[in-house]
Protein backbone atom coordinates (compact mmCIF):
# COMPACT_ATOMS: atom_id res chain seq x y z
CA MET A 1 15.74 10.80 -1.77
CA THR A 2 16.57 8.24 0.89
CA LYS A 3 20.29 7.72 1.05
CA ILE A 4 21.14 4.08 1.58
CA ILE A 5 24.72 2.85 1.52
CA LEU A 6 25.76 -0.80 1.45
CA TYR A 7 29.35 -1.88 1.94
CA THR A 8 29.64 -5.19 0.10
CA THR A 9 31.83 -7.72 -1.64
CA PRO A 10 30.84 -9.43 -4.90
CA TYR A 11 31.05 -12.99 -3.52
CA CYS A 12 28.87 -12.42 -0.43
CA GLY A 13 25.47 -14.13 -0.39
CA TYR A 14 24.21 -11.88 2.40
CA CYS A 15 25.17 -8.84 0.31
CA ARG A 16 23.13 -10.17 -2.61
CA ALA A 17 20.19 -10.84 -0.26
CA ALA A 18 20.34 -7.28 1.13
CA LYS A 19 20.41 -5.83 -2.39
CA ARG A 20 17.44 -8.01 -3.41
CA LEU A 21 15.44 -6.88 -0.37
CA LEU A 22 16.09 -3.22 -1.10
CA ALA A 23 15.36 -3.69 -4.80
CA ARG A 24 11.99 -5.24 -3.91
CA LYS A 25 11.30 -2.09 -1.87
CA GLY A 26 12.05 0.00 -4.94
CA VAL A 27 14.65 2.11 -3.18
CA ALA A 28 17.90 3.28 -4.67
CA PHE A 29 21.12 2.55 -2.84
CA THR A 30 24.81 3.13 -3.24
CA GLU A 31 26.97 0.03 -3.17
CA ILE A 32 30.57 0.32 -2.06
CA ASP A 33 32.68 -2.74 -2.91
CA VAL A 34 35.31 -3.17 -0.19
CA SER A 35 36.96 -6.26 -1.66
CA GLY A 36 40.59 -5.55 -2.36
CA ASP A 37 40.47 -1.98 -1.07
CA LEU A 38 41.89 -1.75 2.43
CA ALA A 39 41.08 1.95 2.78
CA LEU A 40 37.39 1.41 1.96
CA ARG A 41 37.26 -1.62 4.24
CA GLN A 42 38.73 0.47 7.07
CA GLU A 43 36.21 3.24 6.36
CA MET A 44 33.43 0.62 6.66
CA ILE A 45 34.83 -0.75 9.93
CA ASP A 46 35.14 2.75 11.38
CA ARG A 47 31.60 3.76 10.35
CA ALA A 48 30.16 0.44 11.56
CA ASN A 49 31.72 0.77 15.02
CA GLY A 50 34.05 -2.16 14.44
CA GLY A 51 31.76 -4.23 12.22
CA ARG A 52 34.00 -6.24 9.90
CA THR A 53 31.52 -8.42 8.04
CA VAL A 54 29.63 -7.49 4.91
CA PRO A 55 27.18 -6.18 4.17
CA GLN A 56 27.14 -3.18 6.44
CA VAL A 57 24.00 -1.13 5.83
CA PHE A 58 23.52 2.58 6.50
CA ILE A 59 20.20 4.37 6.04
CA ASP A 60 20.42 8.13 6.02
CA GLY A 61 23.76 7.95 7.82
CA THR A 62 22.49 5.63 10.57
CA HIS A 63 24.17 2.25 10.89
CA VAL A 64 21.47 -0.42 10.61
CA GLY A 65 23.83 -3.39 10.80
CA GLY A 66 24.14 -6.28 8.39
CA TYR A 67 21.65 -8.30 6.41
CA ASP A 68 20.23 -9.99 9.51
CA GLU A 69 19.34 -6.64 11.06
CA LEU A 70 17.92 -5.32 7.79
CA ALA A 71 15.79 -8.46 7.39
CA GLU A 72 14.62 -8.17 11.00
CA LEU A 73 13.45 -4.61 10.35
CA GLU A 74 11.48 -5.97 7.40
CA ARG A 75 9.98 -8.87 9.41
CA ALA A 76 8.99 -6.48 12.20
CA ALA A 77 7.31 -4.17 9.65
CA LYS A 78 9.70 -1.36 10.62
CA LEU A 79 11.65 -0.98 7.37
CA ASP A 80 8.88 0.62 5.28
CA PRO A 81 8.05 3.27 7.91
CA LEU A 82 11.77 4.04 8.30
CA LEU A 83 12.20 4.46 4.56
CA ALA A 84 8.98 6.50 4.28
CA ALA A 85 9.95 8.82 7.14
CA ILE A 86 13.35 9.49 5.65
CA GLU A 87 11.83 10.01 2.19
CA ALA A 88 9.33 12.50 3.64
CA LEU A 89 12.16 14.47 5.28
CA ALA A 90 14.10 14.51 2.02
CA ASN A 91 11.05 15.72 0.10
CA ALA A 92 10.35 18.44 2.65
CA SER A 93 13.88 19.73 2.34
CA GLY A 94 13.71 19.69 -1.46
CA GLU A 95 16.32 17.01 -2.09
């Protein structure tokens, strides 16, 4: 299964948009709420190479960026192949 992680806050419109986009794709994701948790926020910043805004999106451990970058992948027709390639690898390894 494709592992998608979103670092979010509940009051972020871009976070809601990213979740809607992924839901339309029918992919499962893990949401990590960083509001009020300094340790999780620092984990996000470290993993995102200094990215402090939410959402921060990771697909199979690779930092994609925020909502704008995720939406750009979708507009460029690159998101579906990325998700399919990762899903194929997961299926081949028996996950």
